[in-house]
Structures are given as structure tokens and as C-alpha cells.
Protein backbone atom coordinates (compact mmCIF):
# COMPACT_ATOMS: atom_id res chain seq x y z
CA UNK A 1 -12.45 -32.29 76.85
CA UNK A 2 -12.63 -36.08 76.89
CA UNK A 3 -14.03 -38.35 74.21
CA UNK A 4 -17.15 -38.87 76.34
CA UNK A 5 -17.86 -35.13 76.05
CA UNK A 6 -17.71 -35.02 72.24
CA UNK A 7 -21.17 -34.00 71.06
CA UNK A 8 -23.01 -34.94 67.90
CA UNK A 9 -24.99 -31.72 67.94
CA UNK A 10 -25.80 -29.11 70.56
CA UNK A 11 -28.43 -26.90 68.93
CA UNK A 12 -28.09 -23.36 67.62
CA UNK A 13 -24.39 -22.58 67.24
CA UNK A 14 -24.85 -19.19 68.88
CA UNK A 15 -26.18 -20.95 71.98
CA UNK A 16 -23.21 -23.33 71.96
CA UNK A 17 -20.87 -20.36 72.08
CA UNK A 18 -22.81 -18.66 74.87
CA UNK A 19 -23.00 -21.39 77.49
CA UNK A 20 -20.29 -20.08 79.83
CA UNK A 21 -20.59 -17.93 82.97
CA UNK A 22 -21.14 -14.24 82.24
CA UNK A 23 -18.01 -13.22 84.15
CA UNK A 24 -15.69 -15.67 82.35
CA UNK A 25 -13.31 -14.23 79.76
CA UNK A 26 -14.45 -14.92 76.22
CA UNK A 27 -12.10 -12.81 74.07
CA UNK A 28 -8.78 -11.14 74.81
CA UNK A 29 -8.85 -8.13 72.52
CA UNK A 30 -5.40 -6.98 71.33
CA UNK A 31 -6.66 -5.04 68.32
CA UNK A 32 -5.59 -1.79 70.02
CA UNK A 33 -2.49 -0.88 71.97
CA UNK A 34 -4.23 -1.61 75.28
CA UNK A 35 -5.34 -5.17 76.05
CA UNK A 36 -9.07 -5.52 76.77
CA UNK A 37 -10.62 -8.67 78.21
CA UNK A 38 -14.19 -9.16 76.96
CA UNK A 39 -16.42 -11.31 79.18
CA UNK A 40 -19.12 -13.64 77.94
CA UNK A 41 -21.66 -11.28 79.49
CA UNK A 42 -20.33 -8.33 77.48
CA UNK A 43 -20.24 -10.46 74.34
CA UNK A 44 -23.87 -11.50 74.90
CA UNK A 45 -24.91 -7.84 75.00
CA UNK A 46 -23.10 -7.15 71.73
CA UNK A 47 -24.72 -10.18 70.13
CA UNK A 48 -28.23 -9.29 71.32
CA UNK A 49 -27.95 -5.72 70.09
CA UNK A 50 -26.97 -6.90 66.63
CA UNK A 51 -29.52 -9.71 66.64
CA UNK A 52 -32.36 -7.34 67.53
CA UNK A 53 -31.51 -4.96 64.69
CA UNK A 54 -31.03 -7.78 62.18
CA UNK A 55 -34.26 -9.50 63.15
CA UNK A 56 -36.21 -6.46 61.97
CA UNK A 57 -34.65 -6.64 58.50
CA UNK A 58 -33.46 -10.20 57.89
CA UNK A 59 -35.59 -13.35 57.67
CA UNK A 60 -34.37 -16.80 58.79
CA UNK A 61 -32.33 -18.40 56.02
CA UNK A 62 -31.24 -15.11 54.47
CA UNK A 63 -27.54 -14.41 54.04
CA UNK A 64 -25.65 -11.64 55.81
CA UNK A 65 -22.01 -10.81 55.10
CA UNK A 66 -19.39 -10.28 57.82
CA UNK A 67 -16.50 -8.08 56.68
CA UNK A 68 -14.52 -7.72 59.89
CA UNK A 69 -11.00 -8.68 60.96
CA UNK A 70 -10.27 -10.59 64.16
CA UNK A 71 -12.16 -8.68 66.86
CA UNK A 72 -14.93 -9.09 69.43
CA UNK A 73 -17.34 -7.54 66.92
CA UNK A 74 -16.44 -10.13 64.31
CA UNK A 75 -17.38 -12.91 66.73
CA UNK A 76 -20.53 -11.06 67.81
CA UNK A 77 -21.61 -10.56 64.18
CA UNK A 78 -21.53 -14.26 63.35
CA UNK A 79 -23.22 -15.21 66.61
CA UNK A 80 -26.00 -12.66 66.10
CA UNK A 81 -26.68 -13.91 62.58
CA UNK A 82 -26.86 -17.52 63.74
CA UNK A 83 -28.97 -16.55 66.74
CA UNK A 84 -31.81 -15.31 64.52
CA UNK A 85 -31.56 -18.30 62.17
CA UNK A 86 -29.89 -16.43 59.31
CA UNK A 87 -26.72 -17.44 57.44
CA UNK A 88 -23.37 -15.66 57.92
CA UNK A 89 -20.97 -15.18 55.01
CA UNK A 90 -17.37 -14.50 56.16
CA UNK A 91 -15.54 -11.97 53.97
CA UNK A 92 -11.81 -11.14 54.01
CA UNK A 93 -10.60 -7.55 54.43
CA UNK A 94 -7.69 -8.12 52.02
CA UNK A 95 -9.96 -9.11 49.14
CA UNK A 96 -9.96 -6.85 46.10
CA UNK A 97 -13.28 -5.47 44.87
CA UNK A 98 -13.78 -8.25 42.29
CA UNK A 99 -13.30 -10.95 44.95
CA UNK A 100 -15.79 -9.27 47.27
CA UNK A 101 -18.25 -8.74 44.43
CA UNK A 102 -18.17 -12.38 43.34
CA UNK A 103 -18.82 -13.69 46.86
CA UNK A 104 -21.44 -11.12 47.83
CA UNK A 105 -23.22 -11.58 44.51
CA UNK A 106 -23.11 -15.37 44.62
CA UNK A 107 -24.28 -15.46 48.24
CA UNK A 108 -26.97 -12.82 47.72
CA UNK A 109 -25.98 -10.65 50.69
CA UNK A 110 -28.05 -7.47 50.88
CA UNK A 111 -26.50 -6.48 54.24
CA UNK A 112 -22.87 -6.74 55.38
CA UNK A 113 -21.85 -6.19 59.01
CA UNK A 114 -18.59 -4.28 58.93
CA UNK A 115 -16.69 -1.17 60.13
CA UNK A 116 -15.62 2.08 58.45
CA UNK A 117 -12.70 0.43 56.67
CA UNK A 118 -14.95 -2.35 55.40
CA UNK A 119 -17.61 0.08 54.26
CA UNK A 120 -15.03 1.79 52.04
CA UNK A 121 -14.09 -1.58 50.55
CA UNK A 122 -17.73 -2.47 49.91
CA UNK A 123 -18.75 0.65 48.06
CA UNK A 124 -22.12 -0.09 46.44
CA UNK A 125 -21.81 -3.90 46.57
CA UNK A 126 -24.14 -4.20 49.58
CA UNK A 127 -25.61 -2.16 52.42
CA UNK A 128 -22.95 -1.77 55.12
CA UNK A 129 -24.07 -1.90 58.74
CA UNK A 130 -21.52 -0.58 61.23
CA UNK A 131 -21.50 -3.46 63.72
CA UNK A 132 -20.23 -1.43 66.67
CA UNK A 133 -22.89 1.25 66.13
CA UNK A 134 -25.77 -1.18 65.62
CA UNK A 135 -24.90 -3.54 68.45
CA UNK A 136 -26.22 -1.88 71.59
CA UNK A 137 -27.80 -3.67 74.51
CA UNK A 138 -31.56 -3.84 74.95
CA UNK A 139 -32.48 -7.16 76.48
CA UNK A 140 -31.96 -10.76 75.38
CA UNK A 141 -33.10 -12.13 72.03
CA UNK A 142 -34.38 -15.71 71.78
CA UNK A 143 -32.29 -18.26 69.93
CA UNK A 144 -33.94 -19.41 66.73
CA UNK A 145 -35.18 -22.99 66.87
CA UNK A 146 -32.98 -24.80 64.34
CA UNK A 147 -32.08 -28.34 63.39
CA UNK A 148 -28.59 -29.73 62.75
CA UNK A 149 -28.95 -29.44 58.97
CA UNK A 150 -30.42 -25.92 58.98
CA UNK A 151 -27.82 -23.74 57.23
CA UNK A 152 -25.79 -21.36 59.38
CA UNK A 153 -22.64 -20.34 57.50
CA UNK A 154 -21.71 -20.03 53.84
CA UNK A 155 -17.92 -20.00 53.71
CA UNK A 156 -15.98 -19.77 50.49
CA UNK A 157 -12.98 -21.82 49.47
CA UNK A 158 -9.74 -20.02 48.72
CA UNK A 159 -9.89 -20.90 45.03
CA UNK A 160 -6.98 -23.35 45.00
CA UNK A 161 -8.71 -25.42 42.31
CA UNK A 162 -10.55 -22.90 40.17
CA UNK A 163 -13.18 -20.33 41.09
CA UNK A 164 -13.88 -20.05 44.85
CA UNK A 165 -16.94 -22.06 45.78
CA UNK A 166 -19.33 -21.57 48.68
CA UNK A 167 -19.56 -24.40 51.20
CA UNK A 168 -22.89 -24.23 53.04
CA UNK A 169 -22.70 -25.71 56.56
CA UNK A 170 -25.51 -26.41 59.01
CA UNK A 171 -25.60 -25.75 62.75
CA UNK A 172 -23.98 -29.13 63.38
CA UNK A 173 -20.66 -27.96 61.90
CA UNK A 174 -19.33 -26.55 65.19
CA UNK A 175 -20.00 -29.77 67.10
CA UNK A 176 -18.29 -31.64 64.27
CA UNK A 177 -15.16 -29.52 64.69
CA UNK A 178 -14.78 -29.85 68.45
CA UNK A 179 -13.08 -33.28 68.60
CA UNK A 180 -10.48 -32.33 65.97
CA UNK A 181 -9.77 -28.98 67.56
CA UNK A 182 -9.46 -30.54 71.01
CA UNK A 183 -7.12 -33.33 69.87
CA UNK A 184 -4.92 -31.03 67.78
CA UNK A 185 -4.21 -29.03 70.95
CA UNK A 186 -3.43 -32.01 73.17
CA UNK A 187 -6.98 -31.92 74.59
CA UNK A 188 -7.86 -28.24 74.58
CA UNK A 189 -9.55 -26.91 77.68
CA UNK A 190 -6.84 -27.46 80.29
CA UNK A 191 -6.41 -24.90 83.07
CA UNK A 192 -4.72 -21.77 81.72
CA UNK A 193 -5.36 -22.55 78.04
CA UNK A 194 -5.67 -19.52 75.76
CA UNK A 195 -6.00 -19.92 71.97
CA UNK A 196 -4.84 -17.76 69.05
CA UNK A 197 -4.12 -17.99 65.35
CA UNK A 198 -2.67 -15.45 62.92
CA UNK A 199 -5.17 -16.81 60.36
CA UNK A 200 -8.02 -14.38 59.70
CA UNK A 201 -11.44 -15.36 61.00
CA UNK A 202 -12.80 -14.98 57.45
CA UNK A 203 -11.36 -18.43 56.69
CA UNK A 204 -12.58 -21.72 58.11
CA UNK A 205 -9.19 -22.24 59.77
CA UNK A 206 -9.62 -19.07 61.82
CA UNK A 207 -13.37 -19.21 62.44
CA UNK A 208 -13.97 -22.92 63.09
CA UNK A 209 -10.53 -24.18 64.09
CA UNK A 210 -10.01 -21.41 66.64
CA UNK A 211 -12.57 -18.66 67.37
CA UNK A 212 -15.86 -20.52 67.71
CA UNK A 213 -14.51 -23.76 69.24
CA UNK A 214 -12.71 -21.67 71.87
CA UNK A 215 -15.94 -19.87 72.78
CA UNK A 216 -17.85 -23.17 72.88
CA UNK A 217 -15.24 -24.81 75.13
CA UNK A 218 -14.81 -21.83 77.45
CA UNK A 219 -11.19 -21.22 76.39
CA UNK A 220 -10.27 -17.52 76.02
CA UNK A 221 -9.52 -16.66 72.39
CA UNK A 222 -7.17 -13.85 71.41
CA UNK A 223 -8.28 -11.36 68.74
CA UNK A 224 -5.36 -9.53 67.15
CA UNK A 225 -5.27 -7.80 63.77
CA UNK A 226 -2.20 -8.85 61.77
CA UNK A 227 -2.62 -7.55 58.20
CA UNK A 228 0.86 -8.97 57.58
CA UNK A 229 2.43 -11.72 59.68
CA UNK A 230 5.75 -10.81 61.24
CA UNK A 231 7.89 -12.75 63.70
CA UNK A 232 8.05 -9.78 66.05
CA UNK A 233 4.31 -9.20 65.92
CA UNK A 234 3.65 -12.87 66.58
CA UNK A 235 5.88 -12.90 69.66
CA UNK A 236 4.18 -9.74 70.93
CA UNK A 237 0.69 -11.23 70.59
CA UNK A 238 1.73 -14.42 72.38
CA UNK A 239 3.30 -12.42 75.20
CA UNK A 240 0.56 -9.80 75.70
CA UNK A 241 -2.28 -12.28 75.25
CA UNK A 242 -0.68 -14.93 77.49
CA UNK A 243 -1.29 -17.39 74.67
CA UNK A 244 -0.68 -21.07 75.38
CA UNK A 245 -2.23 -22.71 72.31
CA UNK A 246 -1.61 -21.65 68.71
CA UNK A 247 -2.76 -22.73 65.28
CA UNK A 248 0.06 -21.72 62.92
CA UNK A 249 -0.45 -22.01 59.16
CA UNK A 250 2.64 -23.61 57.54
CA UNK A 251 3.71 -20.27 56.02
CA UNK A 252 3.93 -18.74 59.49
CA UNK A 253 5.95 -21.69 60.77
CA UNK A 254 8.41 -21.32 57.89
CA UNK A 255 8.93 -17.65 58.77
CA UNK A 256 9.50 -18.50 62.43
CA UNK A 257 11.95 -21.23 61.47
CA UNK A 258 13.83 -18.92 59.09
CA UNK A 259 14.25 -16.42 61.93
CA UNK A 260 15.25 -19.28 64.27
CA UNK A 261 12.80 -18.01 66.87
CA UNK A 262 12.19 -19.89 70.10
CA UNK A 263 8.74 -19.54 71.69
CA UNK A 264 8.78 -21.39 75.02
CA UNK A 265 5.76 -21.50 77.28
CA UNK A 266 3.25 -22.75 74.74
CA UNK A 267 1.29 -25.88 75.65
CA UNK A 268 0.24 -26.85 72.12
CA UNK A 269 0.94 -25.91 68.50
CA UNK A 270 -1.26 -27.15 65.67
CA UNK A 271 -0.82 -26.73 61.93
CA UNK A 272 -2.68 -27.74 58.79
CA UNK A 273 -2.88 -26.92 55.12
CA UNK A 274 0.17 -28.77 53.78
CA UNK A 275 2.63 -31.41 55.05
CA UNK A 276 5.34 -29.98 57.30
CA UNK A 277 8.01 -32.67 56.83
CA UNK A 278 10.50 -34.18 59.25
CA UNK A 279 12.81 -31.16 59.33
CA UNK A 280 10.04 -28.76 60.38
CA UNK A 281 8.72 -31.16 63.01
CA UNK A 282 12.23 -31.53 64.45
CA UNK A 283 12.66 -27.74 64.54
CA UNK A 284 9.30 -27.45 66.31
CA UNK A 285 10.46 -29.72 69.10
CA UNK A 286 13.46 -27.43 69.64
CA UNK A 287 11.65 -24.10 69.23
CA UNK A 288 8.48 -24.91 71.18
CA UNK A 289 9.54 -27.84 73.34
CA UNK A 290 6.63 -29.91 72.02
CA UNK A 291 5.27 -31.74 69.00
CA UNK A 292 3.58 -29.72 66.28
CA UNK A 293 0.25 -31.46 65.79
CA UNK A 294 -0.59 -31.70 62.09
CA UNK A 295 -4.25 -31.86 61.11
CA UNK A 296 -6.12 -32.17 57.83
CA UNK A 297 -9.28 -30.63 56.50
CA UNK A 298 -10.85 -28.52 53.79
CA UNK A 299 -13.47 -25.78 53.76
CA UNK A 300 -16.01 -28.38 52.66
CA UNK A 301 -15.00 -31.05 55.20
CA UNK A 302 -12.70 -29.79 57.90
CA UNK A 303 -10.74 -31.18 60.86
CA UNK A 304 -11.21 -34.84 59.93
CA UNK A 305 -7.74 -36.11 60.96
CA UNK A 306 -5.23 -34.89 63.54
CA UNK A 307 -2.10 -35.88 65.39
CA UNK A 308 -1.88 -35.46 69.16
CA UNK A 309 1.62 -35.20 70.62
CA UNK A 310 0.21 -35.53 74.11
CA UNK A 311 -1.05 -39.03 73.29
CA UNK A 312 1.43 -40.46 70.79
CA UNK A 313 4.64 -39.41 68.98
CA UNK A 314 4.38 -37.77 65.58
CA UNK A 315 5.45 -39.70 62.51
CA UNK A 316 6.66 -37.54 59.57
CA UNK A 317 4.44 -38.00 56.55
CA UNK A 318 1.50 -39.20 58.62
CA UNK A 319 -1.40 -37.55 60.42
CA UNK A 320 -3.09 -39.09 63.42
CA UNK A 321 -3.24 -42.69 64.49
CA UNK A 322 -5.41 -45.49 63.08
């Protein structure tokens, strides 16, 4: 992706993430023991099945929760909600009941797309819809006609500074992320690129730094459930998924460094959330054979600065280049 390709806005976000050939690989599903490659065509059928069912119950602008871990159905749930002009509310499987209740109540979600595990967590907080049971094919559903400011996703902060707050983003938010995501992976979209993060897709770092930008750019994205990050599990995902591009939260990098793990074969490693420091950057060069690209952003305003080791050397304590 070159600077000339960076869009200001490309319409409904669900359409942005659907503009690849049907036979191209969209998601590499490692949530079970056997790897399953999900094509864009298969993903479209999942999305349309969900969208059709939702359209009968949900009006444009209404909020629908998504309580699903990394999986093809998690991606399909968000896309289906956006496709009909409704607003998705990402929810984290590791939340306790009070955390779920505060977000669902504040957002006003009457319906939550989930699975059996999520339904048990929800209890009576909202009406659970089993995404995999609802989402069956039945013909295409039209994309809702939306503008760049029309709301699409209500994503909550982690609560670092007080009570978690909902950040409401319009359909332009994906286009706004693409330059930062591309640069932080030394121009994502090269031949053979395949993107993964251990960060859950309930957070903006998983959903808009990895999952949706990958679908929009035609880069296969790996879905792998990691309730707890382990060095061994990380290496297994990278190997089985043929991952070449990773967004590692700093905590994951510290665990890899403590284990003195080497992960050759990656083309790019990005990280954000806190400064890494000179020692970590030096270790990254040894362990990965490349620069760790640090980026900065928040739930409210994400991916606004990034380094790019493919273009210029990293400078400890700094992000990007003036």
C-alpha cells in the first residue's frame, strides 16, 4: 500500500472489508486443532446470513453487542452489523459480570451475538443470539447507505483513567487506520503477508489494528483463541498460520524476551501501548532480525504515529519521523 492509495473514506466499512475476490483467503482459522482457511466468499455468506436475521429485528443506528473471541464468526458479526447500518459493541470474554453489565447497559444492547460460552456469561443481561446458528446463507443483503460520520462501532476504553468510556466511531474510522497499520508493518500488503495479534478482537488494537485492516487490504488474518498468552502457544500460532506480520502488545514482548525466544521468518513486528526502550528494541533486532515498529494511539484516537523500520532506523524514545 503506497501513500497514493491511502483513502479518506471508502463507504460502509463492511463493504471495505468485502472488496476482495471470493476465492482469496480472508481468515486463517486456528481456533480448533485443524487449520481452516476461510475465503472471502465463505465470509460473505456468514455475514449475509447474520445481516438478514438482524435486519428483521434491529433498526439502523441501534447497538448490537459482539461477545466472541478471535474467530471467523467474530469478524462476520461486526461486518453484518455494519452492513445493515447498526452499531457494533465489542465485548471481551474475560470480563466479569459487572464489567459486561456496565457496558451492555451503557450501550443499550438488547441483542448480543455470541456463542454458548458467551451466552452463559451474559445470563439475563441481554438476548444472546448464537452467531453460528443464525448466520446461514440465503442471498446477498444490500449495504446500508451511510456517510463517514454515521456511527458504526462503540468501543470501550480499558478504564486506565477511571470508569471505562465508550468511544463512538463512524464508518470513516477504518480508512483512518489504514495508513498507520500499513506503515507499522513496513508497508503491509506485500506478497506472502499474513497478519496476527494475540490481542483480543474486543479491543481496538485487535479489531482495528489487525482484523479489519487486514480484510480491507486483502491480507489473510489469523484467528487464534489464546485465553492466556504463552511463548509456546505464540510460536505454534506463528508456525501453523504461516504468520509474517505480528502486532505484539508490550507485555507479550516482555514474555518472549524473558524466555529468550527467537522467531525468525517474520517480515514485520509492531507494538504499541507503552514505550519499549532501547534494550527491548535491541533484543528485537536479535530475536526477529528486524526493527520493532512502535506506534501510538488510544481507543478514542488510534494509530496516529508510527515508526517504520523499512523506511528509517528506529530511535529509542521516539515514534515515527517528522
